[in-house]
Amino acid sequence: MELMELLKTRRTYRRFDQSRPVPADVVEDIVRSAQYASSAANGQPLSYCVVQTPDMVEAVYEQVRWAAALPREQGWPKDGEHPVLFVAVLTDAKRSGGMTPCDAGLAISNMTLAAWNKGVGSCIMGAINRPEIMQILGINPEEKELHTVIAFGYPTHKSTIREIAKGEPVKYYLDENRDYVVPKYRLEDVVEYR
């Protein structure tokens, strides 16, 4: 896919084909792309936990919150629409400050783009029960902190951008087909050239 089209169409996806697992080579591309991400002073404070067995995926799924801008019956995946894979982004507990959040953002962006390049959608999850997920995954909180989890799967809906003027509502919504529409400010409202 051409780069700008990849960037434009790699949106958040929240409903997946639960019967279709992500192949091992695509999972490898996803985590390899995190390795390729830039890191401040090349400190590399991140590690990752790939959650792919159905029981573990469902256990993590129970600890995340979906689509805060929508009522639960609209924004949450229904049975058969759950993700088939999660990647937990972990930070070193002893060095999680400074530029670590920036490092995490770069790695997450790489992973979601690598996934979308193979047709796999994603949803970056920040509203999560961190202590419970860490316990499920057997992660020692003295060694690692859970930054985010990213849900992956083959999407069963579309997600598009609609350009808006500054001041218009920015909340995403579902259209008449239950596809996501994501308002984004026009460039002329957010970019200045000097």
N, C-alpha and C. Protein backbone atom coordinates (compact mmCIF):
# COMPACT_ATOMS: atom_id res chain seq x y z
N MET A 1 0.85 -1.18 0.00
CA MET A 1 0.00 0.00 0.00
C MET A 1 0.90 1.24 0.00
N GLU A 2 0.53 2.24 -0.74
CA GLU A 2 1.29 3.49 -0.78
C GLU A 2 1.24 4.14 0.61
N LEU A 3 2.34 4.78 1.02
CA LEU A 3 2.50 5.24 2.40
C LEU A 3 1.39 6.17 2.86
N MET A 4 1.06 7.21 2.10
CA MET A 4 0.04 8.16 2.56
C MET A 4 -1.33 7.49 2.67
N GLU A 5 -1.63 6.56 1.78
CA GLU A 5 -2.89 5.82 1.87
C GLU A 5 -2.88 4.92 3.12
N LEU A 6 -1.75 4.31 3.40
CA LEU A 6 -1.61 3.49 4.60
C LEU A 6 -1.85 4.33 5.85
N LEU A 7 -1.26 5.51 5.90
CA LEU A 7 -1.44 6.40 7.06
C LEU A 7 -2.89 6.86 7.19
N LYS A 8 -3.53 7.15 6.07
CA LYS A 8 -4.90 7.65 6.09
C LYS A 8 -5.90 6.56 6.50
N THR A 9 -5.67 5.34 6.07
CA THR A 9 -6.65 4.28 6.31
C THR A 9 -6.36 3.46 7.56
N ARG A 10 -5.18 3.62 8.15
CA ARG A 10 -4.89 2.92 9.40
C ARG A 10 -5.59 3.67 10.54
N ARG A 11 -6.83 3.33 10.73
CA ARG A 11 -7.66 3.95 11.76
C ARG A 11 -7.79 2.98 12.92
N THR A 12 -8.55 3.35 13.92
CA THR A 12 -8.89 2.44 15.01
C THR A 12 -10.04 1.55 14.55
N TYR A 13 -9.88 0.26 14.77
CA TYR A 13 -10.92 -0.72 14.46
C TYR A 13 -11.31 -1.44 15.75
N ARG A 14 -12.61 -1.63 15.94
CA ARG A 14 -13.08 -2.19 17.21
C ARG A 14 -13.95 -3.44 17.05
N ARG A 15 -14.18 -3.86 15.82
CA ARG A 15 -14.93 -5.09 15.58
C ARG A 15 -14.13 -5.93 14.59
N PHE A 16 -13.90 -7.19 14.97
CA PHE A 16 -13.01 -8.06 14.21
C PHE A 16 -13.69 -9.37 13.85
N ASP A 17 -13.13 -10.06 12.88
CA ASP A 17 -13.56 -11.41 12.54
C ASP A 17 -12.86 -12.36 13.50
N GLN A 18 -13.55 -12.73 14.53
CA GLN A 18 -12.95 -13.54 15.60
C GLN A 18 -12.58 -14.95 15.14
N SER A 19 -13.13 -15.38 14.02
CA SER A 19 -12.83 -16.72 13.51
C SER A 19 -11.55 -16.75 12.68
N ARG A 20 -10.93 -15.59 12.48
CA ARG A 20 -9.76 -15.50 11.59
C ARG A 20 -8.52 -15.07 12.38
N PRO A 21 -7.67 -16.03 12.74
CA PRO A 21 -6.46 -15.67 13.48
C PRO A 21 -5.46 -14.89 12.62
N VAL A 22 -4.60 -14.14 13.28
CA VAL A 22 -3.53 -13.43 12.59
C VAL A 22 -2.38 -14.42 12.38
N PRO A 23 -1.95 -14.63 11.13
CA PRO A 23 -0.88 -15.61 10.88
C PRO A 23 0.43 -15.25 11.59
N ALA A 24 1.22 -16.28 11.87
CA ALA A 24 2.47 -16.10 12.61
C ALA A 24 3.42 -15.13 11.93
N ASP A 25 3.49 -15.15 10.59
CA ASP A 25 4.40 -14.24 9.91
C ASP A 25 3.97 -12.79 10.04
N VAL A 26 2.66 -12.54 10.14
CA VAL A 26 2.18 -11.18 10.35
C VAL A 26 2.44 -10.74 11.78
N VAL A 27 2.25 -11.64 12.74
CA VAL A 27 2.59 -11.33 14.13
C VAL A 27 4.07 -10.98 14.23
N GLU A 28 4.91 -11.74 13.54
CA GLU A 28 6.35 -11.46 13.52
C GLU A 28 6.63 -10.07 12.95
N ASP A 29 5.95 -9.70 11.85
CA ASP A 29 6.13 -8.36 11.28
C ASP A 29 5.71 -7.27 12.28
N ILE A 30 4.62 -7.52 12.99
CA ILE A 30 4.13 -6.53 13.96
C ILE A 30 5.18 -6.27 15.04
N VAL A 31 5.68 -7.34 15.65
CA VAL A 31 6.65 -7.13 16.74
C VAL A 31 8.01 -6.69 16.20
N ARG A 32 8.38 -7.16 15.01
CA ARG A 32 9.64 -6.71 14.41
C ARG A 32 9.59 -5.20 14.15
N SER A 33 8.43 -4.69 13.76
CA SER A 33 8.31 -3.25 13.51
C SER A 33 8.54 -2.44 14.78
N ALA A 34 8.18 -2.99 15.94
CA ALA A 34 8.45 -2.30 17.20
C ALA A 34 9.95 -2.22 17.45
N GLN A 35 10.66 -3.29 17.10
CA GLN A 35 12.12 -3.29 17.24
C GLN A 35 12.75 -2.19 16.39
N TYR A 36 12.15 -1.91 15.24
CA TYR A 36 12.69 -0.91 14.32
C TYR A 36 12.40 0.53 14.75
N ALA A 37 11.52 0.73 15.72
CA ALA A 37 11.14 2.08 16.13
C ALA A 37 12.32 2.82 16.75
N SER A 38 12.34 4.13 16.53
CA SER A 38 13.35 4.97 17.17
C SER A 38 13.16 4.94 18.68
N SER A 39 14.25 5.16 19.40
CA SER A 39 14.21 5.19 20.86
C SER A 39 15.14 6.29 21.35
N ALA A 40 14.66 7.11 22.27
CA ALA A 40 15.46 8.23 22.78
C ALA A 40 16.79 7.71 23.34
N ALA A 41 17.89 8.28 22.86
CA ALA A 41 19.24 7.90 23.24
C ALA A 41 19.47 6.40 23.05
N ASN A 42 18.64 5.79 22.21
CA ASN A 42 18.65 4.35 21.95
C ASN A 42 18.60 3.54 23.25
N GLY A 43 17.86 4.08 24.23
CA GLY A 43 17.76 3.43 25.55
C GLY A 43 16.95 2.15 25.56
N GLN A 44 16.00 2.01 24.62
CA GLN A 44 15.19 0.81 24.46
C GLN A 44 14.57 0.31 25.78
N PRO A 45 13.74 1.14 26.42
CA PRO A 45 13.15 0.76 27.71
C PRO A 45 11.89 -0.10 27.59
N LEU A 46 11.54 -0.50 26.35
CA LEU A 46 10.28 -1.21 26.14
C LEU A 46 10.50 -2.70 25.92
N SER A 47 9.50 -3.48 26.29
CA SER A 47 9.41 -4.88 25.91
C SER A 47 7.95 -5.17 25.62
N TYR A 48 7.67 -6.35 25.11
CA TYR A 48 6.33 -6.65 24.60
C TYR A 48 5.92 -8.06 25.00
N CYS A 49 4.65 -8.23 25.24
CA CYS A 49 4.09 -9.54 25.51
C CYS A 49 2.99 -9.79 24.49
N VAL A 50 3.19 -10.80 23.65
CA VAL A 50 2.21 -11.15 22.61
C VAL A 50 1.22 -12.14 23.22
N VAL A 51 -0.04 -11.77 23.20
CA VAL A 51 -1.11 -12.60 23.76
C VAL A 51 -1.92 -13.12 22.58
N GLN A 52 -1.84 -14.44 22.34
CA GLN A 52 -2.49 -14.96 21.14
C GLN A 52 -3.29 -16.24 21.34
N THR A 53 -3.14 -16.92 22.48
CA THR A 53 -3.98 -18.10 22.68
C THR A 53 -5.40 -17.61 23.02
N PRO A 54 -6.42 -18.26 22.47
CA PRO A 54 -7.79 -17.76 22.66
C PRO A 54 -8.18 -17.52 24.12
N ASP A 55 -7.80 -18.40 25.03
CA ASP A 55 -8.16 -18.21 26.44
C ASP A 55 -7.50 -16.96 27.03
N MET A 56 -6.22 -16.76 26.71
CA MET A 56 -5.52 -15.58 27.23
C MET A 56 -6.06 -14.30 26.59
N VAL A 57 -6.37 -14.34 25.29
CA VAL A 57 -6.93 -13.16 24.62
C VAL A 57 -8.25 -12.78 25.29
N GLU A 58 -9.10 -13.76 25.56
CA GLU A 58 -10.38 -13.47 26.20
C GLU A 58 -10.20 -12.94 27.62
N ALA A 59 -9.21 -13.46 28.34
CA ALA A 59 -8.95 -12.98 29.71
C ALA A 59 -8.53 -11.51 29.68
N VAL A 60 -7.67 -11.14 28.72
CA VAL A 60 -7.26 -9.74 28.59
C VAL A 60 -8.44 -8.90 28.11
N TYR A 61 -9.22 -9.42 27.15
CA TYR A 61 -10.38 -8.70 26.62
C TYR A 61 -11.31 -8.26 27.76
N GLU A 62 -11.48 -9.09 28.74
CA GLU A 62 -12.38 -8.78 29.86
C GLU A 62 -11.88 -7.61 30.71
N GLN A 63 -10.64 -7.20 30.52
CA GLN A 63 -10.04 -6.15 31.34
C GLN A 63 -9.83 -4.83 30.60
N VAL A 64 -10.43 -4.69 29.41
CA VAL A 64 -10.29 -3.45 28.64
C VAL A 64 -11.65 -2.79 28.45
N ARG A 65 -11.63 -1.49 28.20
CA ARG A 65 -12.85 -0.71 27.96
C ARG A 65 -12.78 -0.16 26.54
N TRP A 66 -13.89 -0.25 25.82
CA TRP A 66 -13.93 0.09 24.40
C TRP A 66 -14.72 1.37 24.15
N ALA A 67 -14.28 2.15 23.19
CA ALA A 67 -15.04 3.26 22.58
C ALA A 67 -15.75 4.15 23.59
N ALA A 68 -14.98 4.92 24.32
CA ALA A 68 -15.53 5.77 25.37
C ALA A 68 -16.56 6.78 24.85
N ALA A 69 -16.47 7.16 23.59
CA ALA A 69 -17.38 8.18 23.04
C ALA A 69 -18.75 7.60 22.67
N LEU A 70 -18.90 6.28 22.74
CA LEU A 70 -20.15 5.65 22.30
C LEU A 70 -20.80 4.87 23.44
N PRO A 71 -22.11 4.71 23.39
CA PRO A 71 -22.76 3.83 24.36
C PRO A 71 -22.22 2.40 24.19
N ARG A 72 -22.18 1.65 25.29
CA ARG A 72 -21.60 0.31 25.27
C ARG A 72 -22.18 -0.56 24.15
N GLU A 73 -23.49 -0.52 23.96
CA GLU A 73 -24.12 -1.39 22.96
C GLU A 73 -23.69 -1.04 21.53
N GLN A 74 -23.14 0.15 21.32
CA GLN A 74 -22.66 0.53 19.99
C GLN A 74 -21.15 0.35 19.85
N GLY A 75 -20.41 0.63 20.90
CA GLY A 75 -18.96 0.69 20.79
C GLY A 75 -18.21 -0.57 21.15
N TRP A 76 -18.84 -1.48 21.88
CA TRP A 76 -18.14 -2.69 22.31
C TRP A 76 -18.33 -3.80 21.28
N PRO A 77 -17.27 -4.58 21.03
CA PRO A 77 -17.43 -5.72 20.13
C PRO A 77 -18.42 -6.73 20.71
N LYS A 78 -19.22 -7.31 19.84
CA LYS A 78 -20.17 -8.34 20.26
C LYS A 78 -19.49 -9.71 20.15
N ASP A 79 -20.15 -10.75 20.59
CA ASP A 79 -19.62 -12.10 20.43
C ASP A 79 -19.29 -12.34 18.97
N GLY A 80 -18.14 -12.90 18.71
CA GLY A 80 -17.69 -13.14 17.35
C GLY A 80 -16.93 -11.97 16.74
N GLU A 81 -16.88 -10.83 17.46
CA GLU A 81 -16.20 -9.63 16.96
C GLU A 81 -14.98 -9.25 17.82
N HIS A 82 -14.62 -10.10 18.77
CA HIS A 82 -13.50 -9.79 19.67
C HIS A 82 -12.18 -9.84 18.91
N PRO A 83 -11.16 -9.16 19.42
CA PRO A 83 -9.84 -9.28 18.80
C PRO A 83 -9.31 -10.71 18.95
N VAL A 84 -8.35 -11.06 18.13
CA VAL A 84 -7.75 -12.39 18.21
C VAL A 84 -6.32 -12.33 18.72
N LEU A 85 -5.84 -11.14 19.01
CA LEU A 85 -4.45 -10.95 19.41
C LEU A 85 -4.35 -9.64 20.19
N PHE A 86 -3.56 -9.66 21.24
CA PHE A 86 -3.18 -8.43 21.93
C PHE A 86 -1.67 -8.38 22.01
N VAL A 87 -1.11 -7.18 21.96
CA VAL A 87 0.29 -6.97 22.29
C VAL A 87 0.31 -5.99 23.45
N ALA A 88 0.90 -6.44 24.56
CA ALA A 88 1.06 -5.57 25.73
C ALA A 88 2.40 -4.85 25.59
N VAL A 89 2.36 -3.54 25.73
CA VAL A 89 3.58 -2.72 25.68
C VAL A 89 4.02 -2.47 27.12
N LEU A 90 5.21 -2.93 27.43
CA LEU A 90 5.72 -2.86 28.80
C LEU A 90 6.92 -1.92 28.86
N THR A 91 7.03 -1.23 29.98
CA THR A 91 8.19 -0.36 30.21
C THR A 91 8.98 -0.91 31.38
N ASP A 92 10.25 -0.62 31.38
CA ASP A 92 11.12 -1.01 32.48
C ASP A 92 10.73 -0.17 33.69
N ALA A 93 10.34 -0.79 34.79
CA ALA A 93 9.84 -0.08 35.97
C ALA A 93 10.88 0.86 36.56
N LYS A 94 12.14 0.58 36.35
CA LYS A 94 13.20 1.42 36.92
C LYS A 94 13.56 2.61 36.05
N ARG A 95 13.05 2.63 34.82
CA ARG A 95 13.37 3.76 33.94
C ARG A 95 12.20 4.08 33.02
N SER A 96 11.04 4.31 33.63
CA SER A 96 9.83 4.53 32.83
C SER A 96 9.50 6.00 32.61
N GLY A 97 10.32 6.92 33.08
CA GLY A 97 10.04 8.34 32.88
C GLY A 97 10.68 8.87 31.62
N GLY A 98 10.94 10.17 31.62
CA GLY A 98 11.63 10.80 30.51
C GLY A 98 10.93 10.62 29.18
N MET A 99 11.65 10.07 28.24
CA MET A 99 11.14 9.92 26.87
C MET A 99 10.46 8.57 26.64
N THR A 100 10.30 7.76 27.68
CA THR A 100 9.68 6.44 27.50
C THR A 100 8.29 6.52 26.87
N PRO A 101 7.42 7.46 27.29
CA PRO A 101 6.12 7.54 26.61
C PRO A 101 6.25 7.83 25.11
N CYS A 102 7.22 8.62 24.73
CA CYS A 102 7.46 8.91 23.31
C CYS A 102 7.93 7.64 22.61
N ASP A 103 8.85 6.91 23.23
CA ASP A 103 9.30 5.64 22.66
C ASP A 103 8.12 4.70 22.45
N ALA A 104 7.23 4.62 23.44
CA ALA A 104 6.06 3.75 23.33
C ALA A 104 5.17 4.17 22.17
N GLY A 105 4.96 5.47 22.02
CA GLY A 105 4.14 5.96 20.92
C GLY A 105 4.72 5.60 19.56
N LEU A 106 6.04 5.72 19.43
CA LEU A 106 6.68 5.37 18.17
C LEU A 106 6.55 3.88 17.88
N ALA A 107 6.77 3.05 18.89
CA ALA A 107 6.66 1.59 18.70
C ALA A 107 5.22 1.19 18.38
N ILE A 108 4.27 1.79 19.07
CA ILE A 108 2.85 1.49 18.82
C ILE A 108 2.47 1.90 17.40
N SER A 109 2.91 3.06 16.98
CA SER A 109 2.61 3.50 15.62
C SER A 109 3.19 2.52 14.60
N ASN A 110 4.43 2.11 14.81
CA ASN A 110 5.03 1.14 13.88
C ASN A 110 4.22 -0.15 13.84
N MET A 111 3.83 -0.66 15.02
CA MET A 111 3.10 -1.93 15.06
C MET A 111 1.75 -1.84 14.36
N THR A 112 1.02 -0.77 14.61
CA THR A 112 -0.31 -0.65 14.00
C THR A 112 -0.20 -0.44 12.49
N LEU A 113 0.84 0.26 12.04
CA LEU A 113 1.04 0.44 10.60
C LEU A 113 1.47 -0.87 9.94
N ALA A 114 2.38 -1.61 10.58
CA ALA A 114 2.82 -2.89 10.02
C ALA A 114 1.63 -3.85 9.92
N ALA A 115 0.78 -3.84 10.93
CA ALA A 115 -0.41 -4.70 10.91
C ALA A 115 -1.34 -4.30 9.78
N TRP A 116 -1.62 -3.00 9.67
CA TRP A 116 -2.56 -2.54 8.65
C TRP A 116 -2.03 -2.79 7.25
N ASN A 117 -0.73 -2.75 7.07
CA ASN A 117 -0.13 -3.05 5.78
C ASN A 117 -0.47 -4.48 5.33
N LYS A 118 -0.80 -5.34 6.29
CA LYS A 118 -1.20 -6.73 6.00
C LYS A 118 -2.71 -6.92 6.15
N GLY A 119 -3.47 -5.81 6.29
CA GLY A 119 -4.93 -5.90 6.39
C GLY A 119 -5.44 -6.17 7.79
N VAL A 120 -4.57 -6.11 8.78
CA VAL A 120 -4.94 -6.36 10.17
C VAL A 120 -5.20 -5.03 10.86
N GLY A 121 -6.40 -4.87 11.40
CA GLY A 121 -6.77 -3.65 12.11
C GLY A 121 -6.31 -3.70 13.56
N SER A 122 -6.37 -2.54 14.21
CA SER A 122 -5.90 -2.46 15.59
C SER A 122 -6.68 -1.42 16.38
N CYS A 123 -6.60 -1.55 17.68
CA CYS A 123 -7.18 -0.58 18.60
C CYS A 123 -6.22 -0.44 19.78
N ILE A 124 -5.72 0.75 19.99
CA ILE A 124 -4.79 1.02 21.09
C ILE A 124 -5.62 1.24 22.35
N MET A 125 -5.38 0.43 23.35
CA MET A 125 -6.20 0.43 24.56
C MET A 125 -5.43 1.06 25.73
N GLY A 126 -5.96 2.18 26.22
CA GLY A 126 -5.38 2.82 27.40
C GLY A 126 -6.27 2.68 28.62
N ALA A 127 -7.58 2.51 28.40
CA ALA A 127 -8.54 2.33 29.50
C ALA A 127 -8.58 0.85 29.84
N ILE A 128 -7.61 0.43 30.63
CA ILE A 128 -7.42 -0.99 30.92
C ILE A 128 -7.19 -1.19 32.42
N ASN A 129 -7.49 -2.38 32.88
CA ASN A 129 -7.23 -2.75 34.27
C ASN A 129 -5.79 -3.27 34.34
N ARG A 130 -4.85 -2.35 34.53
CA ARG A 130 -3.44 -2.71 34.48
C ARG A 130 -3.03 -3.77 35.50
N PRO A 131 -3.39 -3.62 36.77
CA PRO A 131 -2.97 -4.66 37.73
C PRO A 131 -3.50 -6.05 37.36
N GLU A 132 -4.74 -6.14 36.92
CA GLU A 132 -5.32 -7.44 36.59
C GLU A 132 -4.66 -8.03 35.34
N ILE A 133 -4.41 -7.21 34.32
CA ILE A 133 -3.76 -7.71 33.11
C ILE A 133 -2.35 -8.18 33.43
N MET A 134 -1.64 -7.43 34.24
CA MET A 134 -0.28 -7.85 34.61
C MET A 134 -0.31 -9.19 35.35
N GLN A 135 -1.31 -9.37 36.19
CA GLN A 135 -1.43 -10.63 36.90
C GLN A 135 -1.76 -11.77 35.91
N ILE A 136 -2.69 -11.52 35.00
CA ILE A 136 -3.04 -12.53 33.99
C ILE A 136 -1.81 -12.95 33.19
N LEU A 137 -0.98 -11.98 32.82
CA LEU A 137 0.19 -12.24 31.99
C LEU A 137 1.41 -12.67 32.80
N GLY A 138 1.30 -12.67 34.12
CA GLY A 138 2.42 -13.09 34.96
C GLY A 138 3.60 -12.13 34.94
N ILE A 139 3.30 -10.84 34.87
CA ILE A 139 4.34 -9.81 34.81
C ILE A 139 4.60 -9.27 36.21
N ASN A 140 5.85 -9.23 36.59
CA ASN A 140 6.26 -8.74 37.90
C ASN A 140 6.24 -7.21 37.90
N PRO A 141 5.37 -6.59 38.73
CA PRO A 141 5.27 -5.12 38.73
C PRO A 141 6.51 -4.42 39.27
N GLU A 142 7.40 -5.15 39.92
CA GLU A 142 8.65 -4.54 40.37
C GLU A 142 9.64 -4.41 39.22
N GLU A 143 9.39 -5.16 38.16
CA GLU A 143 10.30 -5.13 37.01
C GLU A 143 9.71 -4.37 35.81
N LYS A 144 8.40 -4.52 35.59
CA LYS A 144 7.78 -3.94 34.40
C LYS A 144 6.51 -3.18 34.77
N GLU A 145 6.19 -2.16 33.97
CA GLU A 145 4.93 -1.46 34.07
C GLU A 145 4.19 -1.63 32.74
N LEU A 146 2.88 -1.74 32.81
CA LEU A 146 2.07 -1.91 31.61
C LEU A 146 1.69 -0.54 31.07
N HIS A 147 2.18 -0.20 29.91
CA HIS A 147 1.88 1.08 29.28
C HIS A 147 0.50 1.03 28.61
N THR A 148 0.31 0.11 27.67
CA THR A 148 -0.93 -0.05 26.93
C THR A 148 -1.03 -1.48 26.44
N VAL A 149 -2.20 -1.84 25.96
CA VAL A 149 -2.33 -3.06 25.16
C VAL A 149 -2.94 -2.65 23.83
N ILE A 150 -2.57 -3.37 22.79
CA ILE A 150 -3.10 -3.10 21.46
C ILE A 150 -3.86 -4.35 21.01
N ALA A 151 -5.11 -4.16 20.63
CA ALA A 151 -5.93 -5.25 20.12
C ALA A 151 -5.72 -5.33 18.61
N PHE A 152 -5.66 -6.56 18.08
CA PHE A 152 -5.48 -6.77 16.65
C PHE A 152 -6.47 -7.80 16.13
N GLY A 153 -6.82 -7.68 14.87
CA GLY A 153 -7.66 -8.65 14.18
C GLY A 153 -8.06 -8.10 12.82
N TYR A 154 -8.69 -8.95 12.04
CA TYR A 154 -9.17 -8.51 10.73
C TYR A 154 -10.50 -7.78 10.93
N PRO A 155 -10.57 -6.50 10.57
CA PRO A 155 -11.77 -5.70 10.86
C PRO A 155 -12.99 -6.15 10.04
N THR A 156 -14.14 -5.98 10.67
CA THR A 156 -15.41 -6.29 10.00
C THR A 156 -16.20 -5.01 9.73
N HIS A 157 -15.55 -3.88 9.85
CA HIS A 157 -16.19 -2.59 9.57
C HIS A 157 -15.17 -1.66 8.94
N LYS A 158 -15.65 -0.54 8.47
CA LYS A 158 -14.79 0.49 7.90
C LYS A 158 -14.60 1.60 8.92
N SER A 159 -13.56 2.38 8.73
CA SER A 159 -13.32 3.55 9.55
C SER A 159 -12.72 4.61 8.63
N THR A 160 -13.37 5.76 8.58
CA THR A 160 -12.94 6.81 7.67
C THR A 160 -12.79 8.14 8.39
N ILE A 161 -12.04 9.02 7.76
CA ILE A 161 -11.82 10.37 8.28
C ILE A 161 -12.81 11.32 7.61
N ARG A 162 -13.32 12.25 8.39
CA ARG A 162 -14.12 13.35 7.84
C ARG A 162 -13.48 14.64 8.30
N GLU A 163 -13.03 15.47 7.36
CA GLU A 163 -12.40 16.73 7.71
C GLU A 163 -13.43 17.70 8.26
N ILE A 164 -13.04 18.40 9.33
CA ILE A 164 -13.92 19.37 9.96
C ILE A 164 -13.16 20.65 10.23
N ALA A 165 -13.91 21.73 10.44
CA ALA A 165 -13.31 23.01 10.83
C ALA A 165 -13.09 23.03 12.33
N LYS A 166 -12.12 23.77 12.77
CA LYS A 166 -11.87 23.96 14.20
C LYS A 166 -13.15 24.45 14.86
N GLY A 167 -13.49 23.86 15.99
CA GLY A 167 -14.70 24.25 16.70
C GLY A 167 -15.85 23.29 16.49
N GLU A 168 -15.81 22.48 15.42
CA GLU A 168 -16.84 21.47 15.21
C GLU A 168 -16.60 20.31 16.18
N PRO A 169 -17.63 19.52 16.47
CA PRO A 169 -17.46 18.38 17.39
C PRO A 169 -16.44 17.38 16.86
N VAL A 170 -15.58 16.88 17.75
CA VAL A 170 -14.52 15.95 17.36
C VAL A 170 -14.83 14.50 17.75
N LYS A 171 -15.95 14.25 18.40
CA LYS A 171 -16.26 12.89 18.81
C LYS A 171 -16.51 12.00 17.60
N TYR A 172 -15.87 10.84 17.59
CA TYR A 172 -16.14 9.88 16.52
C TYR A 172 -17.53 9.30 16.71
N TYR A 173 -18.07 8.75 15.64
CA TYR A 173 -19.43 8.22 15.69
C TYR A 173 -19.59 7.11 14.67
N LEU A 174 -20.70 6.41 14.75
CA LEU A 174 -21.03 5.37 13.79
C LEU A 174 -22.01 5.93 12.76
N ASP A 175 -21.80 5.60 11.50
CA ASP A 175 -22.75 6.02 10.47
C ASP A 175 -23.88 4.99 10.37
N GLU A 176 -24.72 5.12 9.36
CA GLU A 176 -25.89 4.25 9.22
C GLU A 176 -25.51 2.78 8.98
N ASN A 177 -24.26 2.51 8.58
CA ASN A 177 -23.79 1.14 8.35
C ASN A 177 -22.99 0.58 9.53
N ARG A 178 -22.98 1.29 10.64
CA ARG A 178 -22.19 0.94 11.83
C ARG A 178 -20.68 1.05 11.55
N ASP A 179 -20.30 1.85 10.57
CA ASP A 179 -18.89 2.12 10.30
C ASP A 179 -18.48 3.37 11.07
N TYR A 180 -17.22 3.40 11.49
CA TYR A 180 -16.73 4.54 12.26
C TYR A 180 -16.39 5.72 11.36
N VAL A 181 -16.74 6.90 11.83
CA VAL A 181 -16.38 8.15 11.18
C VAL A 181 -15.59 8.96 12.21
N VAL A 182 -14.39 9.38 11.82
CA VAL A 182 -13.49 10.06 12.74
C VAL A 182 -13.25 11.49 12.25
N PRO A 183 -13.83 12.49 12.94
CA PRO A 183 -13.59 13.87 12.53
C PRO A 183 -12.13 14.29 12.80
N LYS A 184 -11.52 14.93 11.82
CA LYS A 184 -10.16 15.44 11.95
C LYS A 184 -10.13 16.88 11.46
N TYR A 185 -9.46 17.74 12.24
CA TYR A 185 -9.35 19.14 11.83
C TYR A 185 -8.65 19.27 10.48
N ARG A 186 -9.09 20.25 9.70
CA ARG A 186 -8.45 20.56 8.42
C ARG A 186 -7.02 21.04 8.68
N LEU A 187 -6.13 20.76 7.76
CA LEU A 187 -4.74 21.19 7.91
C LEU A 187 -4.63 22.69 8.10
N GLU A 188 -5.42 23.46 7.34
CA GLU A 188 -5.30 24.92 7.44
C GLU A 188 -5.68 25.45 8.82
N ASP A 189 -6.36 24.63 9.62
CA ASP A 189 -6.73 25.05 10.99
C ASP A 189 -5.70 24.66 12.04
N VAL A 190 -4.76 23.78 11.68
CA VAL A 190 -3.82 23.31 12.70
C VAL A 190 -2.35 23.43 12.30
N VAL A 191 -2.07 23.89 11.08
CA VAL A 191 -0.69 24.01 10.64
C VAL A 191 -0.41 25.45 10.26
N GLU A 192 0.72 25.96 10.76
CA GLU A 192 1.19 27.29 10.38
C GLU A 192 2.52 27.14 9.68
N TYR A 193 2.73 27.92 8.64
CA TYR A 193 4.00 27.92 7.93
C TYR A 193 4.68 29.28 8.15
N ARG A 194 5.92 29.27 8.42
CA ARG A 194 6.68 30.51 8.69
C ARG A 194 7.79 30.67 7.67
